[in-house]
Amino acid sequence: MAVTTQGIKLDEETRARLKSASAKLDRTSHWFMRKAILSFIEKVEAGAGIEAFIAVEFLEKDTRRHSLARRLRKDCNTDE
């Protein structure tokens, strides 16, 4: 299996929290992030929707890429 490196941008507070949580488990930050990512992937593959990760009340206000709010705005602006 080929392996590639993926980057992730974290603010300083999140980085510190990651480092602390990893240390508590006597693991590296890399191990911690890999486990977290695999856990999310497994949940999605098992059928979890975005609601499993973001509270429903926040979905309409979510302005992240590909969010429900952006899709709705785009749908409302379409003349088709």
N, C-alpha and C. Protein backbone atom coordinates (compact mmCIF):
# COMPACT_ATOMS: atom_id res chain seq x y z
N MET A 1 0.84 -1.18 0.00
CA MET A 1 0.00 0.00 0.00
C MET A 1 0.89 1.24 0.00
N ALA A 2 0.63 2.12 -0.95
CA ALA A 2 1.38 3.37 -1.02
C ALA A 2 0.92 4.30 0.10
N VAL A 3 1.85 5.07 0.61
CA VAL A 3 1.56 6.00 1.70
C VAL A 3 1.91 7.40 1.24
N THR A 4 1.06 8.36 1.55
CA THR A 4 1.31 9.75 1.20
C THR A 4 1.07 10.62 2.42
N THR A 5 1.66 11.77 2.44
CA THR A 5 1.50 12.70 3.54
C THR A 5 0.41 13.71 3.21
N GLN A 6 -0.47 13.96 4.17
CA GLN A 6 -1.53 14.95 4.04
C GLN A 6 -1.30 16.01 5.11
N GLY A 7 -1.50 17.25 4.77
CA GLY A 7 -1.32 18.32 5.74
C GLY A 7 -2.63 18.73 6.37
N ILE A 8 -2.56 19.21 7.58
CA ILE A 8 -3.74 19.71 8.27
C ILE A 8 -3.35 20.98 9.01
N LYS A 9 -4.15 22.02 8.87
CA LYS A 9 -3.85 23.29 9.53
C LYS A 9 -4.58 23.33 10.87
N LEU A 10 -3.83 23.57 11.93
CA LEU A 10 -4.39 23.65 13.27
C LEU A 10 -3.96 24.95 13.92
N ASP A 11 -4.89 25.59 14.64
CA ASP A 11 -4.49 26.77 15.39
C ASP A 11 -3.68 26.32 16.60
N GLU A 12 -3.03 27.25 17.25
CA GLU A 12 -2.13 26.91 18.37
C GLU A 12 -2.84 26.20 19.51
N GLU A 13 -4.06 26.64 19.83
CA GLU A 13 -4.80 26.01 20.92
C GLU A 13 -5.11 24.55 20.61
N THR A 14 -5.55 24.28 19.39
CA THR A 14 -5.86 22.91 18.99
C THR A 14 -4.60 22.06 18.97
N ARG A 15 -3.52 22.64 18.49
CA ARG A 15 -2.23 21.91 18.48
C ARG A 15 -1.81 21.52 19.88
N ALA A 16 -1.96 22.45 20.82
CA ALA A 16 -1.60 22.17 22.22
C ALA A 16 -2.50 21.08 22.79
N ARG A 17 -3.79 21.14 22.48
CA ARG A 17 -4.73 20.12 22.96
C ARG A 17 -4.38 18.75 22.38
N LEU A 18 -4.05 18.72 21.10
CA LEU A 18 -3.65 17.48 20.44
C LEU A 18 -2.41 16.89 21.09
N LYS A 19 -1.43 17.74 21.33
CA LYS A 19 -0.19 17.29 21.95
C LYS A 19 -0.45 16.73 23.35
N SER A 20 -1.29 17.42 24.12
CA SER A 20 -1.61 16.98 25.47
C SER A 20 -2.37 15.65 25.47
N ALA A 21 -3.39 15.55 24.60
CA ALA A 21 -4.18 14.32 24.53
C ALA A 21 -3.31 13.14 24.08
N SER A 22 -2.45 13.38 23.12
CA SER A 22 -1.54 12.33 22.64
C SER A 22 -0.61 11.86 23.74
N ALA A 23 -0.08 12.81 24.48
CA ALA A 23 0.84 12.48 25.57
C ALA A 23 0.14 11.65 26.65
N LYS A 24 -1.11 11.97 26.94
CA LYS A 24 -1.86 11.21 27.95
C LYS A 24 -2.02 9.76 27.56
N LEU A 25 -2.04 9.49 26.27
CA LEU A 25 -2.16 8.12 25.78
C LEU A 25 -0.81 7.50 25.45
N ASP A 26 0.25 8.27 25.69
CA ASP A 26 1.61 7.83 25.36
C ASP A 26 1.72 7.46 23.88
N ARG A 27 1.14 8.32 23.04
CA ARG A 27 1.17 8.14 21.60
C ARG A 27 1.61 9.44 20.94
N THR A 28 1.95 9.36 19.67
CA THR A 28 2.34 10.56 18.93
C THR A 28 1.09 11.28 18.43
N SER A 29 1.27 12.55 18.08
CA SER A 29 0.17 13.32 17.49
C SER A 29 -0.27 12.67 16.19
N HIS A 30 0.67 12.17 15.43
CA HIS A 30 0.36 11.49 14.17
C HIS A 30 -0.56 10.31 14.41
N TRP A 31 -0.26 9.48 15.39
CA TRP A 31 -1.09 8.32 15.72
C TRP A 31 -2.50 8.77 16.09
N PHE A 32 -2.58 9.80 16.92
CA PHE A 32 -3.86 10.32 17.39
C PHE A 32 -4.72 10.81 16.22
N MET A 33 -4.13 11.60 15.33
CA MET A 33 -4.87 12.14 14.18
C MET A 33 -5.30 11.01 13.25
N ARG A 34 -4.42 10.05 13.02
CA ARG A 34 -4.76 8.93 12.14
C ARG A 34 -5.95 8.15 12.69
N LYS A 35 -5.94 7.88 13.98
CA LYS A 35 -7.05 7.15 14.61
C LYS A 35 -8.36 7.94 14.52
N ALA A 36 -8.28 9.24 14.74
CA ALA A 36 -9.47 10.09 14.68
C ALA A 36 -10.04 10.10 13.26
N ILE A 37 -9.18 10.24 12.27
CA ILE A 37 -9.62 10.27 10.88
C ILE A 37 -10.24 8.93 10.49
N LEU A 38 -9.59 7.84 10.85
CA LEU A 38 -10.13 6.52 10.52
C LEU A 38 -11.47 6.29 11.19
N SER A 39 -11.64 6.78 12.41
CA SER A 39 -12.91 6.66 13.12
C SER A 39 -14.02 7.40 12.38
N PHE A 40 -13.74 8.61 11.91
CA PHE A 40 -14.73 9.37 11.15
C PHE A 40 -15.07 8.66 9.84
N ILE A 41 -14.06 8.18 9.14
CA ILE A 41 -14.29 7.47 7.88
C ILE A 41 -15.18 6.26 8.10
N GLU A 42 -14.90 5.48 9.13
CA GLU A 42 -15.69 4.29 9.42
C GLU A 42 -17.15 4.65 9.72
N LYS A 43 -17.37 5.75 10.44
CA LYS A 43 -18.74 6.19 10.73
C LYS A 43 -19.48 6.56 9.45
N VAL A 44 -18.81 7.30 8.57
CA VAL A 44 -19.44 7.70 7.30
C VAL A 44 -19.72 6.47 6.44
N GLU A 45 -18.76 5.55 6.36
CA GLU A 45 -18.95 4.33 5.58
C GLU A 45 -20.09 3.47 6.14
N ALA A 46 -20.34 3.58 7.44
CA ALA A 46 -21.43 2.83 8.08
C ALA A 46 -22.78 3.53 7.91
N GLY A 47 -22.77 4.70 7.27
CA GLY A 47 -24.03 5.36 6.98
C GLY A 47 -24.28 6.66 7.71
N ALA A 48 -23.35 7.10 8.55
CA ALA A 48 -23.55 8.36 9.27
C ALA A 48 -23.57 9.53 8.30
N GLY A 49 -24.46 10.45 8.56
CA GLY A 49 -24.54 11.68 7.77
C GLY A 49 -23.82 12.80 8.50
N ILE A 50 -23.85 13.97 7.91
CA ILE A 50 -23.18 15.13 8.50
C ILE A 50 -23.73 15.43 9.89
N GLU A 51 -25.00 15.06 10.13
CA GLU A 51 -25.63 15.30 11.42
C GLU A 51 -24.91 14.58 12.56
N ALA A 52 -24.15 13.54 12.23
CA ALA A 52 -23.39 12.81 13.25
C ALA A 52 -22.18 13.60 13.74
N PHE A 53 -21.80 14.62 12.97
CA PHE A 53 -20.59 15.37 13.29
C PHE A 53 -20.87 16.83 13.62
N ILE A 54 -21.97 17.36 13.11
CA ILE A 54 -22.34 18.75 13.37
C ILE A 54 -23.78 18.75 13.87
N ALA A 55 -24.02 19.41 14.98
CA ALA A 55 -25.38 19.47 15.53
C ALA A 55 -26.33 20.05 14.48
N VAL A 56 -27.50 19.47 14.39
CA VAL A 56 -28.48 19.86 13.38
C VAL A 56 -28.77 21.35 13.41
N GLU A 57 -28.86 21.93 14.60
CA GLU A 57 -29.17 23.36 14.69
C GLU A 57 -28.08 24.25 14.09
N PHE A 58 -26.86 23.71 13.93
CA PHE A 58 -25.78 24.48 13.34
C PHE A 58 -25.66 24.29 11.83
N LEU A 59 -26.31 23.27 11.29
CA LEU A 59 -26.18 22.98 9.86
C LEU A 59 -26.64 24.13 8.98
N GLU A 60 -27.75 24.75 9.33
CA GLU A 60 -28.25 25.85 8.51
C GLU A 60 -27.32 27.06 8.53
N LYS A 61 -26.53 27.20 9.60
CA LYS A 61 -25.60 28.32 9.72
C LYS A 61 -24.20 27.97 9.25
N ASP A 62 -24.00 26.71 8.87
CA ASP A 62 -22.68 26.23 8.46
C ASP A 62 -22.29 26.84 7.12
N THR A 63 -21.24 27.63 7.10
CA THR A 63 -20.81 28.27 5.85
C THR A 63 -19.53 27.65 5.31
N ARG A 64 -19.16 26.49 5.80
CA ARG A 64 -17.97 25.80 5.30
C ARG A 64 -18.21 25.31 3.88
N ARG A 65 -17.15 24.96 3.23
CA ARG A 65 -17.22 24.44 1.86
C ARG A 65 -18.18 23.25 1.80
N HIS A 66 -19.03 23.24 0.83
CA HIS A 66 -20.01 22.18 0.59
C HIS A 66 -21.05 22.05 1.70
N SER A 67 -21.23 23.09 2.49
CA SER A 67 -22.20 23.01 3.57
C SER A 67 -23.62 23.13 3.04
N LEU A 68 -24.55 22.75 3.87
CA LEU A 68 -25.96 22.85 3.53
C LEU A 68 -26.33 24.29 3.22
N ALA A 69 -25.85 25.24 4.02
CA ALA A 69 -26.18 26.65 3.81
C ALA A 69 -25.71 27.12 2.44
N ARG A 70 -24.52 26.74 2.03
CA ARG A 70 -24.02 27.15 0.71
C ARG A 70 -24.84 26.51 -0.40
N ARG A 71 -25.17 25.24 -0.23
CA ARG A 71 -25.96 24.56 -1.26
C ARG A 71 -27.33 25.20 -1.38
N LEU A 72 -27.95 25.54 -0.27
CA LEU A 72 -29.26 26.18 -0.30
C LEU A 72 -29.18 27.55 -0.95
N ARG A 73 -28.14 28.32 -0.61
CA ARG A 73 -27.96 29.64 -1.21
C ARG A 73 -27.78 29.51 -2.72
N LYS A 74 -26.99 28.54 -3.13
CA LYS A 74 -26.74 28.31 -4.55
C LYS A 74 -28.05 27.92 -5.26
N ASP A 75 -28.82 27.02 -4.62
CA ASP A 75 -30.09 26.59 -5.21
C ASP A 75 -31.06 27.76 -5.34
N CYS A 76 -31.06 28.66 -4.37
CA CYS A 76 -31.96 29.81 -4.40
C CYS A 76 -31.55 30.82 -5.48
N ASN A 77 -30.27 30.86 -5.83
CA ASN A 77 -29.76 31.81 -6.82
C ASN A 77 -29.78 31.26 -8.24
N THR A 78 -30.24 30.03 -8.41
CA THR A 78 -30.24 29.39 -9.72
C THR A 78 -31.55 29.69 -10.44
N ASP A 79 -31.45 30.06 -11.69
CA ASP A 79 -32.64 30.38 -12.49
C ASP A 79 -33.14 29.20 -13.30
N GLU A 80 -32.61 28.01 -13.06
CA GLU A 80 -32.99 26.83 -13.87
C GLU A 80 -34.33 26.30 -13.47
